[in-house]
Amino acid sequence: MKPLPVFLASWALAGLGAAVGSILGNGFGNVGLFAGAILGGVLAIVGTVMLLTKLRWLPQGARSGAIAGGIVGFLLAAPIAVGNLHTPIMPVLSCGLVGAGVLLGAGVVSGGTRSSRAG
């Protein structure tokens, strides 16, 4: 597993997914804006984890745990981001919870052990 790239990719792509989702949902009012952000973020997490396993930055067996952990992190980050929309940095930083969730979820599923590197 490559923890730093996994963390950064999960963080950035979940935030991007939420931003795109909120832009697309904005046409349906405030409810659409928030629903779009949630849906966009969740879809971005799933897509990101699939990409990370394809790149072998995450083990295949950790995929479901990484997705679940990322979604939990996103659901924790969403109220922090919404509550701090008046600041430029807190919504961005809160998406770091997604990266942490992906790593924690992947670690829980894989038993918290690192795969050995035969060399």
PDB file of N, CA and C in Angstrom:
ATOM      1  N   MET A   1       0.851  -1.178   0.000  1.00  0.00           N
ATOM      2  CA  MET A   1       0.000   0.000   0.000  1.00  0.00           C
ATOM      3  C   MET A   1       0.892   1.235   0.000  1.00  0.00           C
ATOM      4  N   LYS A   2       0.414   2.269  -0.688  1.00  0.00           N
ATOM      5  CA  LYS A   2       1.132   3.543  -0.736  1.00  0.00           C
ATOM      6  C   LYS A   2       0.303   4.577   0.013  1.00  0.00           C
ATOM      7  N   PRO A   3       0.497   4.692   1.335  1.00  0.00           N
ATOM      8  CA  PRO A   3      -0.396   5.507   2.158  1.00  0.00           C
ATOM      9  C   PRO A   3      -0.490   6.978   1.768  1.00  0.00           C
ATOM     10  N   LEU A   4       0.629   7.639   1.520  1.00  0.00           N
ATOM     11  CA  LEU A   4       0.561   9.074   1.225  1.00  0.00           C
ATOM     12  C   LEU A   4      -0.158   9.357  -0.094  1.00  0.00           C
ATOM     13  N   PRO A   5       0.191   8.674  -1.191  1.00  0.00           N
ATOM     14  CA  PRO A   5      -0.564   8.918  -2.425  1.00  0.00           C
ATOM     15  C   PRO A   5      -2.049   8.557  -2.302  1.00  0.00           C
ATOM     16  N   VAL A   6      -2.363   7.486  -1.555  1.00  0.00           N
ATOM     17  CA  VAL A   6      -3.769   7.103  -1.349  1.00  0.00           C
ATOM     18  C   VAL A   6      -4.490   8.201  -0.591  1.00  0.00           C
ATOM     19  N   PHE A   7      -3.868   8.695   0.468  1.00  0.00           N
ATOM     20  CA  PHE A   7      -4.466   9.770   1.271  1.00  0.00           C
ATOM     21  C   PHE A   7      -4.719  11.010   0.423  1.00  0.00           C
ATOM     22  N   LEU A   8      -3.703  11.446  -0.314  1.00  0.00           N
ATOM     23  CA  LEU A   8      -3.824  12.675  -1.102  1.00  0.00           C
ATOM     24  C   LEU A   8      -4.832  12.538  -2.241  1.00  0.00           C
ATOM     25  N   ALA A   9      -4.809  11.405  -2.939  1.00  0.00           N
ATOM     26  CA  ALA A   9      -5.755  11.200  -4.039  1.00  0.00           C
ATOM     27  C   ALA A   9      -7.183  11.135  -3.524  1.00  0.00           C
ATOM     28  N   SER A  10      -7.397  10.448  -2.416  1.00  0.00           N
ATOM     29  CA  SER A  10      -8.743  10.338  -1.842  1.00  0.00           C
ATOM     30  C   SER A  10      -9.250  11.702  -1.400  1.00  0.00           C
ATOM     31  N   TRP A  11      -8.387  12.449  -0.753  1.00  0.00           N
ATOM     32  CA  TRP A  11      -8.725  13.790  -0.281  1.00  0.00           C
ATOM     33  C   TRP A  11      -9.123  14.687  -1.452  1.00  0.00           C
ATOM     34  N   ALA A  12      -8.261  14.765  -2.447  1.00  0.00           N
ATOM     35  CA  ALA A  12      -8.476  15.684  -3.567  1.00  0.00           C
ATOM     36  C   ALA A  12      -9.673  15.284  -4.419  1.00  0.00           C
ATOM     37  N   LEU A  13      -9.781  14.011  -4.756  1.00  0.00           N
ATOM     38  CA  LEU A  13     -10.846  13.595  -5.664  1.00  0.00           C
ATOM     39  C   LEU A  13     -12.219  13.598  -4.998  1.00  0.00           C
ATOM     40  N   ALA A  14     -12.287  13.328  -3.702  1.00  0.00           N
ATOM     41  CA  ALA A  14     -13.576  13.429  -3.006  1.00  0.00           C
ATOM     42  C   ALA A  14     -14.040  14.879  -2.969  1.00  0.00           C
ATOM     43  N   GLY A  15     -13.123  15.789  -2.704  1.00  0.00           N
ATOM     44  CA  GLY A  15     -13.470  17.214  -2.707  1.00  0.00           C
ATOM     45  C   GLY A  15     -13.911  17.681  -4.080  1.00  0.00           C
ATOM     46  N   LEU A  16     -13.204  17.224  -5.107  1.00  0.00           N
ATOM     47  CA  LEU A  16     -13.578  17.580  -6.475  1.00  0.00           C
ATOM     48  C   LEU A  16     -14.952  17.015  -6.825  1.00  0.00           C
ATOM     49  N   GLY A  17     -15.194  15.771  -6.447  1.00  0.00           N
ATOM     50  CA  GLY A  17     -16.495  15.154  -6.712  1.00  0.00           C
ATOM     51  C   GLY A  17     -17.633  15.890  -6.020  1.00  0.00           C
ATOM     52  N   ALA A  18     -17.399  16.298  -4.783  1.00  0.00           N
ATOM     53  CA  ALA A  18     -18.419  17.048  -4.048  1.00  0.00           C
ATOM     54  C   ALA A  18     -18.668  18.407  -4.698  1.00  0.00           C
ATOM     55  N   ALA A  19     -17.612  19.062  -5.140  1.00  0.00           N
ATOM     56  CA  ALA A  19     -17.763  20.373  -5.785  1.00  0.00           C
ATOM     57  C   ALA A  19     -18.530  20.248  -7.096  1.00  0.00           C
ATOM     58  N   VAL A  20     -18.171  19.275  -7.919  1.00  0.00           N
ATOM     59  CA  VAL A  20     -18.867  19.076  -9.191  1.00  0.00           C
ATOM     60  C   VAL A  20     -20.327  18.685  -8.942  1.00  0.00           C
ATOM     61  N   GLY A  21     -20.546  17.804  -7.975  1.00  0.00           N
ATOM     62  CA  GLY A  21     -21.916  17.400  -7.643  1.00  0.00           C
ATOM     63  C   GLY A  21     -22.766  18.563  -7.178  1.00  0.00           C
ATOM     64  N   SER A  22     -22.191  19.438  -6.374  1.00  0.00           N
ATOM     65  CA  SER A  22     -22.959  20.588  -5.887  1.00  0.00           C
ATOM     66  C   SER A  22     -23.255  21.565  -7.025  1.00  0.00           C
ATOM     67  N   ILE A  23     -22.330  21.720  -7.945  1.00  0.00           N
ATOM     68  CA  ILE A  23     -22.558  22.590  -9.098  1.00  0.00           C
ATOM     69  C   ILE A  23     -23.699  22.036  -9.950  1.00  0.00           C
ATOM     70  N   LEU A  24     -23.656  20.733 -10.211  1.00  0.00           N
ATOM     71  CA  LEU A  24     -24.712  20.115 -11.017  1.00  0.00           C
ATOM     72  C   LEU A  24     -26.061  20.119 -10.294  1.00  0.00           C
ATOM     73  N   GLY A  25     -26.050  19.939  -8.988  1.00  0.00           N
ATOM     74  CA  GLY A  25     -27.289  19.914  -8.216  1.00  0.00           C
ATOM     75  C   GLY A  25     -27.868  21.283  -7.934  1.00  0.00           C
ATOM     76  N   ASN A  26     -27.074  22.324  -8.108  1.00  0.00           N
ATOM     77  CA  ASN A  26     -27.501  23.680  -7.796  1.00  0.00           C
ATOM     78  C   ASN A  26     -28.755  24.092  -8.559  1.00  0.00           C
ATOM     79  N   GLY A  27     -28.946  23.575  -9.745  1.00  0.00           N
ATOM     80  CA  GLY A  27     -30.131  23.898 -10.534  1.00  0.00           C
ATOM     81  C   GLY A  27     -31.424  23.454  -9.883  1.00  0.00           C
ATOM     82  N   PHE A  28     -31.342  22.593  -8.879  1.00  0.00           N
ATOM     83  CA  PHE A  28     -32.520  22.090  -8.177  1.00  0.00           C
ATOM     84  C   PHE A  28     -32.675  22.729  -6.804  1.00  0.00           C
ATOM     85  N   GLY A  29     -32.050  23.876  -6.591  1.00  0.00           N
ATOM     86  CA  GLY A  29     -32.168  24.596  -5.322  1.00  0.00           C
ATOM     87  C   GLY A  29     -31.180  24.106  -4.289  1.00  0.00           C
ATOM     88  N   ASN A  30     -31.414  24.549  -3.045  1.00  0.00           N
ATOM     89  CA  ASN A  30     -30.502  24.191  -1.944  1.00  0.00           C
ATOM     90  C   ASN A  30     -30.449  22.696  -1.684  1.00  0.00           C
ATOM     91  N   VAL A  31     -31.609  22.042  -1.754  1.00  0.00           N
ATOM     92  CA  VAL A  31     -31.624  20.597  -1.518  1.00  0.00           C
ATOM     93  C   VAL A  31     -30.805  19.890  -2.588  1.00  0.00           C
ATOM     94  N   GLY A  32     -30.964  20.304  -3.831  1.00  0.00           N
ATOM     95  CA  GLY A  32     -30.199  19.716  -4.922  1.00  0.00           C
ATOM     96  C   GLY A  32     -28.717  19.974  -4.787  1.00  0.00           C
ATOM     97  N   LEU A  33     -28.365  21.157  -4.313  1.00  0.00           N
ATOM     98  CA  LEU A  33     -26.967  21.514  -4.124  1.00  0.00           C
ATOM     99  C   LEU A  33     -26.309  20.564  -3.130  1.00  0.00           C
ATOM    100  N   PHE A  34     -26.955  20.361  -1.984  1.00  0.00           N
ATOM    101  CA  PHE A  34     -26.372  19.488  -0.962  1.00  0.00           C
ATOM    102  C   PHE A  34     -26.448  18.016  -1.352  1.00  0.00           C
ATOM    103  N   ALA A  35     -27.559  17.615  -1.959  1.00  0.00           N
ATOM    104  CA  ALA A  35     -27.682  16.227  -2.410  1.00  0.00           C
ATOM    105  C   ALA A  35     -26.650  15.931  -3.496  1.00  0.00           C
ATOM    106  N   GLY A  36     -26.456  16.879  -4.394  1.00  0.00           N
ATOM    107  CA  GLY A  36     -25.455  16.709  -5.441  1.00  0.00           C
ATOM    108  C   GLY A  36     -24.057  16.596  -4.877  1.00  0.00           C
ATOM    109  N   ALA A  37     -23.769  17.400  -3.862  1.00  0.00           N
ATOM    110  CA  ALA A  37     -22.450  17.340  -3.230  1.00  0.00           C
ATOM    111  C   ALA A  37     -22.220  15.979  -2.578  1.00  0.00           C
ATOM    112  N   ILE A  38     -23.218  15.486  -1.877  1.00  0.00           N
ATOM    113  CA  ILE A  38     -23.082  14.171  -1.217  1.00  0.00           C
ATOM    114  C   ILE A  38     -22.923  13.068  -2.267  1.00  0.00           C
ATOM    115  N   LEU A  39     -23.806  13.066  -3.266  1.00  0.00           N
ATOM    116  CA  LEU A  39     -23.732  12.041  -4.307  1.00  0.00           C
ATOM    117  C   LEU A  39     -22.414  12.129  -5.073  1.00  0.00           C
ATOM    118  N   GLY A  40     -22.007  13.335  -5.429  1.00  0.00           N
ATOM    119  CA  GLY A  40     -20.744  13.512  -6.141  1.00  0.00           C
ATOM    120  C   GLY A  40     -19.553  13.048  -5.329  1.00  0.00           C
ATOM    121  N   GLY A  41     -19.559  13.352  -4.028  1.00  0.00           N
ATOM    122  CA  GLY A  41     -18.469  12.921  -3.161  1.00  0.00           C
ATOM    123  C   GLY A  41     -18.404  11.412  -3.020  1.00  0.00           C
ATOM    124  N   VAL A  42     -19.560  10.791  -2.825  1.00  0.00           N
ATOM    125  CA  VAL A  42     -19.595   9.332  -2.656  1.00  0.00           C
ATOM    126  C   VAL A  42     -19.160   8.637  -3.949  1.00  0.00           C
ATOM    127  N   LEU A  43     -19.673   9.109  -5.087  1.00  0.00           N
ATOM    128  CA  LEU A  43     -19.262   8.512  -6.364  1.00  0.00           C
ATOM    129  C   LEU A  43     -17.765   8.698  -6.611  1.00  0.00           C
ATOM    130  N   ALA A  44     -17.241   9.847  -6.211  1.00  0.00           N
ATOM    131  CA  ALA A  44     -15.806  10.096  -6.366  1.00  0.00           C
ATOM    132  C   ALA A  44     -14.986   9.152  -5.486  1.00  0.00           C
ATOM    133  N   ILE A  45     -15.479   8.870  -4.293  1.00  0.00           N
ATOM    134  CA  ILE A  45     -14.766   7.941  -3.407  1.00  0.00           C
ATOM    135  C   ILE A  45     -14.726   6.547  -4.024  1.00  0.00           C
ATOM    136  N   VAL A  46     -15.861   6.094  -4.504  1.00  0.00           N
ATOM    137  CA  VAL A  46     -15.915   4.762  -5.122  1.00  0.00           C
ATOM    138  C   VAL A  46     -14.976   4.711  -6.332  1.00  0.00           C
ATOM    139  N   GLY A  47     -15.059   5.715  -7.184  1.00  0.00           N
ATOM    140  CA  GLY A  47     -14.194   5.753  -8.365  1.00  0.00           C
ATOM    141  C   GLY A  47     -12.718   5.839  -8.005  1.00  0.00           C
ATOM    142  N   THR A  48     -12.419   6.621  -6.992  1.00  0.00           N
ATOM    143  CA  THR A  48     -11.027   6.773  -6.556  1.00  0.00           C
ATOM    144  C   THR A  48     -10.474   5.456  -6.026  1.00  0.00           C
ATOM    145  N   VAL A  49     -11.235   4.775  -5.195  1.00  0.00           N
ATOM    146  CA  VAL A  49     -10.767   3.498  -4.644  1.00  0.00           C
ATOM    147  C   VAL A  49     -10.588   2.470  -5.761  1.00  0.00           C
ATOM    148  N   MET A  50     -11.498   2.471  -6.729  1.00  0.00           N
ATOM    149  CA  MET A  50     -11.352   1.545  -7.853  1.00  0.00           C
ATOM    150  C   MET A  50     -10.053   1.855  -8.625  1.00  0.00           C
ATOM    151  N   LEU A  51      -9.797   3.137  -8.859  1.00  0.00           N
ATOM    152  CA  LEU A  51      -8.570   3.547  -9.545  1.00  0.00           C
ATOM    153  C   LEU A  51      -7.333   3.173  -8.735  1.00  0.00           C
ATOM    154  N   LEU A  52      -7.385   3.415  -7.432  1.00  0.00           N
ATOM    155  CA  LEU A  52      -6.224   3.129  -6.581  1.00  0.00           C
ATOM    156  C   LEU A  52      -5.917   1.639  -6.521  1.00  0.00           C
ATOM    157  N   THR A  53      -6.938   0.794  -6.566  1.00  0.00           N
ATOM    158  CA  THR A  53      -6.670  -0.651  -6.589  1.00  0.00           C
ATOM    159  C   THR A  53      -6.137  -1.066  -7.953  1.00  0.00           C
ATOM    160  N   LYS A  54      -6.617  -0.422  -9.011  1.00  0.00           N
ATOM    161  CA  LYS A  54      -6.100  -0.731 -10.350  1.00  0.00           C
ATOM    162  C   LYS A  54      -4.626  -0.331 -10.467  1.00  0.00           C
ATOM    163  N   LEU A  55      -4.261   0.792  -9.844  1.00  0.00           N
ATOM    164  CA  LEU A  55      -2.860   1.234  -9.834  1.00  0.00           C
ATOM    165  C   LEU A  55      -2.004   0.445  -8.844  1.00  0.00           C
ATOM    166  N   ARG A  56      -2.640  -0.398  -8.063  1.00  0.00           N
ATOM    167  CA  ARG A  56      -2.000  -1.211  -7.020  1.00  0.00           C
ATOM    168  C   ARG A  56      -1.443  -0.373  -5.880  1.00  0.00           C
ATOM    169  N   TRP A  57      -2.066   0.781  -5.669  1.00  0.00           N
ATOM    170  CA  TRP A  57      -1.713   1.598  -4.506  1.00  0.00           C
ATOM    171  C   TRP A  57      -2.477   1.107  -3.285  1.00  0.00           C
ATOM    172  N   LEU A  58      -3.559   0.389  -3.518  1.00  0.00           N
ATOM    173  CA  LEU A  58      -4.341  -0.267  -2.467  1.00  0.00           C
ATOM    174  C   LEU A  58      -4.483  -1.734  -2.849  1.00  0.00           C
ATOM    175  N   PRO A  59      -4.438  -2.632  -1.883  1.00  0.00           N
ATOM    176  CA  PRO A  59      -4.650  -4.046  -2.201  1.00  0.00           C
ATOM    177  C   PRO A  59      -6.101  -4.298  -2.618  1.00  0.00           C
ATOM    178  N   GLN A  60      -6.294  -5.220  -3.557  1.00  0.00           N
ATOM    179  CA  GLN A  60      -7.644  -5.563  -4.025  1.00  0.00           C
ATOM    180  C   GLN A  60      -8.569  -5.951  -2.870  1.00  0.00           C
ATOM    181  N   GLY A  61      -8.044  -6.701  -1.924  1.00  0.00           N
ATOM    182  CA  GLY A  61      -8.861  -7.171  -0.813  1.00  0.00           C
ATOM    183  C   GLY A  61      -9.310  -6.079   0.134  1.00  0.00           C
ATOM    184  N   ALA A  62      -8.704  -4.919   0.036  1.00  0.00           N
ATOM    185  CA  ALA A  62      -9.051  -3.810   0.926  1.00  0.00           C
ATOM    186  C   ALA A  62     -10.072  -2.859   0.303  1.00  0.00           C
ATOM    187  N   ARG A  63     -10.523  -3.172  -0.911  1.00  0.00           N
ATOM    188  CA  ARG A  63     -11.396  -2.258  -1.648  1.00  0.00           C
ATOM    189  C   ARG A  63     -12.683  -1.911  -0.894  1.00  0.00           C
ATOM    190  N   SER A  64     -13.397  -2.905  -0.420  1.00  0.00           N
ATOM    191  CA  SER A  64     -14.689  -2.617   0.243  1.00  0.00           C
ATOM    192  C   SER A  64     -14.486  -1.843   1.541  1.00  0.00           C
ATOM    193  N   GLY A  65     -13.471  -2.179   2.295  1.00  0.00           N
ATOM    194  CA  GLY A  65     -13.189  -1.452   3.526  1.00  0.00           C
ATOM    195  C   GLY A  65     -12.770  -0.019   3.257  1.00  0.00           C
ATOM    196  N   ALA A  66     -11.979   0.173   2.193  1.00  0.00           N
ATOM    197  CA  ALA A  66     -11.535   1.522   1.825  1.00  0.00           C
ATOM    198  C   ALA A  66     -12.720   2.382   1.399  1.00  0.00           C
ATOM    199  N   ILE A  67     -13.638   1.799   0.636  1.00  0.00           N
ATOM    200  CA  ILE A  67     -14.838   2.543   0.219  1.00  0.00           C
ATOM    201  C   ILE A  67     -15.674   2.900   1.433  1.00  0.00           C
ATOM    202  N   ALA A  68     -15.906   1.931   2.301  1.00  0.00           N
ATOM    203  CA  ALA A  68     -16.717   2.196   3.499  1.00  0.00           C
ATOM    204  C   ALA A  68     -16.056   3.256   4.379  1.00  0.00           C
ATOM    205  N   GLY A  69     -14.760   3.133   4.593  1.00  0.00           N
ATOM    206  CA  GLY A  69     -14.045   4.112   5.412  1.00  0.00           C
ATOM    207  C   GLY A  69     -14.059   5.492   4.792  1.00  0.00           C
ATOM    208  N   GLY A  70     -13.900   5.557   3.471  1.00  0.00           N
ATOM    209  CA  GLY A  70     -13.943   6.838   2.776  1.00  0.00           C
ATOM    210  C   GLY A  70     -15.304   7.503   2.900  1.00  0.00           C
ATOM    211  N   ILE A  71     -16.365   6.719   2.782  1.00  0.00           N
ATOM    212  CA  ILE A  71     -17.721   7.272   2.906  1.00  0.00           C
ATOM    213  C   ILE A  71     -17.970   7.767   4.325  1.00  0.00           C
ATOM    214  N   VAL A  72     -17.528   7.006   5.316  1.00  0.00           N
ATOM    215  CA  VAL A  72     -17.674   7.465   6.706  1.00  0.00           C
ATOM    216  C   VAL A  72     -16.891   8.766   6.909  1.00  0.00           C
ATOM    217  N   GLY A  73     -15.663   8.826   6.405  1.00  0.00           N
ATOM    218  CA  GLY A  73     -14.880  10.054   6.505  1.00  0.00           C
ATOM    219  C   GLY A  73     -15.570  11.219   5.813  1.00  0.00           C
ATOM    220  N   PHE A  74     -16.170  10.959   4.660  1.00  0.00           N
ATOM    221  CA  PHE A  74     -16.876  12.001   3.925  1.00  0.00           C
ATOM    222  C   PHE A  74     -18.099  12.482   4.705  1.00  0.00           C
ATOM    223  N   LEU A  75     -18.825  11.554   5.303  1.00  0.00           N
ATOM    224  CA  LEU A  75     -20.003  11.945   6.084  1.00  0.00           C
ATOM    225  C   LEU A  75     -19.621  12.723   7.336  1.00  0.00           C
ATOM    226  N   LEU A  76     -18.433  12.491   7.857  1.00  0.00           N
ATOM    227  CA  LEU A  76     -17.928  13.296   8.972  1.00  0.00           C
ATOM    228  C   LEU A  76     -17.449  14.666   8.489  1.00  0.00           C
ATOM    229  N   ALA A  77     -16.877  14.696   7.294  1.00  0.00           N
ATOM    230  CA  ALA A  77     -16.339  15.951   6.751  1.00  0.00           C
ATOM    231  C   ALA A  77     -17.434  16.898   6.270  1.00  0.00           C
ATOM    232  N   ALA A  78     -18.533  16.350   5.760  1.00  0.00           N
ATOM    233  CA  ALA A  78     -19.581  17.190   5.158  1.00  0.00           C
ATOM    234  C   ALA A  78     -20.126  18.258   6.101  1.00  0.00           C
ATOM    235  N   PRO A  79     -20.530  17.914   7.333  1.00  0.00           N
ATOM    236  CA  PRO A  79     -21.038  18.979   8.211  1.00  0.00           C
ATOM    237  C   PRO A  79     -19.969  20.001   8.602  1.00  0.00           C
ATOM    238  N   ILE A  80     -18.727  19.561   8.688  1.00  0.00           N
ATOM    239  CA  ILE A  80     -17.643  20.501   8.999  1.00  0.00           C
ATOM    240  C   ILE A  80     -17.489  21.484   7.839  1.00  0.00           C
ATOM    241  N   ALA A  81     -17.512  20.965   6.625  1.00  0.00           N
ATOM    242  CA  ALA A  81     -17.381  21.824   5.445  1.00  0.00           C
ATOM    243  C   ALA A  81     -18.549  22.792   5.339  1.00  0.00           C
ATOM    244  N   VAL A  82     -19.752  22.286   5.505  1.00  0.00           N
ATOM    245  CA  VAL A  82     -20.947  23.142   5.393  1.00  0.00           C
ATOM    246  C   VAL A  82     -20.958  24.205   6.486  1.00  0.00           C
ATOM    247  N   GLY A  83     -20.553  23.842   7.672  1.00  0.00           N
ATOM    248  CA  GLY A  83     -20.528  24.796   8.778  1.00  0.00           C
ATOM    249  C   GLY A  83     -19.442  25.848   8.664  1.00  0.00           C
ATOM    250  N   ASN A  84     -18.503  25.630   7.773  1.00  0.00           N
ATOM    251  CA  ASN A  84     -17.380  26.559   7.633  1.00  0.00           C
ATOM    252  C   ASN A  84     -17.216  27.064   6.205  1.00  0.00           C
ATOM    253  N   LEU A  85     -18.319  27.181   5.476  1.00  0.00           N
ATOM    254  CA  LEU A  85     -18.241  27.656   4.096  1.00  0.00           C
ATOM    255  C   LEU A  85     -17.742  29.092   3.996  1.00  0.00           C
ATOM    256  N   HIS A  86     -17.828  29.822   5.106  1.00  0.00           N
ATOM    257  CA  HIS A  86     -17.368  31.213   5.107  1.00  0.00           C
ATOM    258  C   HIS A  86     -15.839  31.327   5.152  1.00  0.00           C
ATOM    259  N   THR A  87     -15.158  30.215   5.417  1.00  0.00           N
ATOM    260  CA  THR A  87     -13.700  30.229   5.441  1.00  0.00           C
ATOM    261  C   THR A  87     -13.183  29.531   4.180  1.00  0.00           C
ATOM    262  N   PRO A  88     -12.075  29.951   3.671  1.00  0.00           N
ATOM    263  CA  PRO A  88     -11.579  29.305   2.449  1.00  0.00           C
ATOM    264  C   PRO A  88     -10.880  27.969   2.695  1.00  0.00           C
ATOM    265  N   ILE A  89     -10.431  27.711   3.903  1.00  0.00           N
ATOM    266  CA  ILE A  89      -9.562  26.555   4.127  1.00  0.00           C
ATOM    267  C   ILE A  89     -10.265  25.354   4.774  1.00  0.00           C
ATOM    268  N   MET A  90     -11.217  25.579   5.654  1.00  0.00           N
ATOM    269  CA  MET A  90     -11.821  24.458   6.385  1.00  0.00           C
ATOM    270  C   MET A  90     -12.559  23.457   5.497  1.00  0.00           C
ATOM    271  N   PRO A  91     -13.333  23.890   4.504  1.00  0.00           N
ATOM    272  CA  PRO A  91     -13.954  22.876   3.639  1.00  0.00           C
ATOM    273  C   PRO A  91     -12.925  22.006   2.917  1.00  0.00           C
ATOM    274  N   VAL A  92     -11.813  22.599   2.527  1.00  0.00           N
ATOM    275  CA  VAL A  92     -10.759  21.836   1.857  1.00  0.00           C
ATOM    276  C   VAL A  92     -10.094  20.879   2.840  1.00  0.00           C
ATOM    277  N   LEU A  93      -9.759  21.383   4.023  1.00  0.00           N
ATOM    278  CA  LEU A  93      -9.099  20.537   5.018  1.00  0.00           C
ATOM    279  C   LEU A  93      -9.994  19.401   5.503  1.00  0.00           C
ATOM    280  N   SER A  94     -11.292  19.653   5.594  1.00  0.00           N
ATOM    281  CA  SER A  94     -12.195  18.612   6.097  1.00  0.00           C
ATOM    282  C   SER A  94     -12.203  17.387   5.195  1.00  0.00           C
ATOM    283  N   CYS A  95     -11.927  17.570   3.909  1.00  0.00           N
ATOM    284  CA  CYS A  95     -11.876  16.421   3.001  1.00  0.00           C
ATOM    285  C   CYS A  95     -10.712  15.491   3.328  1.00  0.00           C
ATOM    286  N   GLY A  96      -9.772  15.946   4.131  1.00  0.00           N
ATOM    287  CA  GLY A  96      -8.705  15.069   4.601  1.00  0.00           C
ATOM    288  C   GLY A  96      -9.245  13.898   5.397  1.00  0.00           C
ATOM    289  N   LEU A  97     -10.439  14.069   5.970  1.00  0.00           N
ATOM    290  CA  LEU A  97     -11.069  12.960   6.696  1.00  0.00           C
ATOM    291  C   LEU A  97     -11.401  11.804   5.753  1.00  0.00           C
ATOM    292  N   VAL A  98     -11.637  12.108   4.492  1.00  0.00           N
ATOM    293  CA  VAL A  98     -11.886  11.047   3.514  1.00  0.00           C
ATOM    294  C   VAL A  98     -10.629  10.208   3.332  1.00  0.00           C
ATOM    295  N   GLY A  99      -9.493  10.871   3.137  1.00  0.00           N
ATOM    296  CA  GLY A  99      -8.238  10.142   2.984  1.00  0.00           C
ATOM    297  C   GLY A  99      -7.932   9.282   4.200  1.00  0.00           C
ATOM    298  N   ALA A 100      -8.158   9.839   5.374  1.00  0.00           N
ATOM    299  CA  ALA A 100      -7.941   9.061   6.602  1.00  0.00           C
ATOM    300  C   ALA A 100      -8.901   7.885   6.678  1.00  0.00           C
ATOM    301  N   GLY A 101     -10.148   8.116   6.285  1.00  0.00           N
ATOM    302  CA  GLY A 101     -11.143   7.040   6.295  1.00  0.00           C
ATOM    303  C   GLY A 101     -10.795   5.923   5.330  1.00  0.00           C
ATOM    304  N   VAL A 102     -10.318   6.281   4.147  1.00  0.00           N
ATOM    305  CA  VAL A 102      -9.920   5.265   3.167  1.00  0.00           C
ATOM    306  C   VAL A 102      -8.780   4.420   3.739  1.00  0.00           C
ATOM    307  N   LEU A 103      -7.785   5.075   4.324  1.00  0.00           N
ATOM    308  CA  LEU A 103      -6.657   4.330   4.884  1.00  0.00           C
ATOM    309  C   LEU A 103      -7.079   3.464   6.068  1.00  0.00           C
ATOM    310  N   LEU A 104      -7.902   4.033   6.941  1.00  0.00           N
ATOM    311  CA  LEU A 104      -8.366   3.243   8.086  1.00  0.00           C
ATOM    312  C   LEU A 104      -9.219   2.066   7.635  1.00  0.00           C
ATOM    313  N   GLY A 105     -10.120   2.314   6.694  1.00  0.00           N
ATOM    314  CA  GLY A 105     -10.966   1.233   6.187  1.00  0.00           C
ATOM    315  C   GLY A 105     -10.153   0.143   5.513  1.00  0.00           C
ATOM    316  N   ALA A 106      -9.165   0.535   4.750  1.00  0.00           N
ATOM    317  CA  ALA A 106      -8.305  -0.447   4.085  1.00  0.00           C
ATOM    318  C   ALA A 106      -7.506  -1.241   5.108  1.00  0.00           C
ATOM    319  N   GLY A 107      -7.056  -0.578   6.154  1.00  0.00           N
ATOM    320  CA  GLY A 107      -6.298  -1.263   7.199  1.00  0.00           C
ATOM    321  C   GLY A 107      -7.127  -2.214   8.012  1.00  0.00           C
ATOM    322  N   VAL A 108      -8.376  -1.841   8.263  1.00  0.00           N
ATOM    323  CA  VAL A 108      -9.269  -2.711   9.039  1.00  0.00           C
ATOM    324  C   VAL A 108      -9.563  -3.978   8.267  1.00  0.00           C
ATOM    325  N   VAL A 109      -9.835  -3.852   6.970  1.00  0.00           N
ATOM    326  CA  VAL A 109     -10.148  -5.022   6.158  1.00  0.00           C
ATOM    327  C   VAL A 109      -8.939  -5.930   6.010  1.00  0.00           C
ATOM    328  N   SER A 110      -7.768  -5.331   5.816  1.00  0.00           N
ATOM    329  CA  SER A 110      -6.572  -6.162   5.621  1.00  0.00           C
ATOM    330  C   SER A 110      -5.951  -6.604   6.936  1.00  0.00           C
ATOM    331  N   GLY A 111      -6.580  -6.291   8.027  1.00  0.00           N
ATOM    332  CA  GLY A 111      -6.063  -6.702   9.320  1.00  0.00           C
ATOM    333  C   GLY A 111      -4.967  -5.795   9.841  1.00  0.00           C
ATOM    334  N   GLY A 112      -4.779  -4.672   9.183  1.00  0.00           N
ATOM    335  CA  GLY A 112      -3.780  -3.712   9.623  1.00  0.00           C
ATOM    336  C   GLY A 112      -2.357  -4.137   9.348  1.00  0.00           C
ATOM    337  N   THR A 113      -2.186  -5.171   8.525  1.00  0.00           N
ATOM    338  CA  THR A 113      -0.828  -5.614   8.230  1.00  0.00           C
ATOM    339  C   THR A 113      -0.412  -5.127   6.866  1.00  0.00           C
ATOM    340  N   ARG A 114       0.851  -4.850   6.724  1.00  0.00           N
ATOM    341  CA  ARG A 114       1.397  -4.455   5.432  1.00  0.00           C
ATOM    342  C   ARG A 114       1.805  -5.711   4.685  1.00  0.00           C
ATOM    343  N   SER A 115       1.576  -5.685   3.383  1.00  0.00           N
ATOM    344  CA  SER A 115       2.041  -6.842   2.606  1.00  0.00           C
ATOM    345  C   SER A 115       3.552  -6.804   2.557  1.00  0.00           C
ATOM    346  N   SER A 116       4.148  -7.985   2.658  1.00  0.00           N
ATOM    347  CA  SER A 116       5.606  -8.031   2.628  1.00  0.00           C
ATOM    348  C   SER A 116       6.090  -7.839   1.199  1.00  0.00           C
ATOM    349  N   ARG A 117       7.224  -7.220   1.087  1.00  0.00           N
ATOM    350  CA  ARG A 117       7.825  -6.993  -0.223  1.00  0.00           C
ATOM    351  C   ARG A 117       9.001  -7.940  -0.392  1.00  0.00           C
ATOM    352  N   ALA A 118       8.792  -8.906  -1.227  1.00  0.00           N
ATOM    353  CA  ALA A 118       9.885  -9.837  -1.489  1.00  0.00           C
ATOM    354  C   ALA A 118      10.878  -9.170  -2.423  1.00  0.00           C
ATOM    355  N   GLY A 119      12.093  -9.263  -2.152  1.00  0.00           N
ATOM    356  CA  GLY A 119      13.011  -8.550  -3.003  1.00  0.00           C
ATOM    357  C   GLY A 119      14.214  -9.254  -3.259  1.00  0.00           C
TER     358      GLY A 119
END
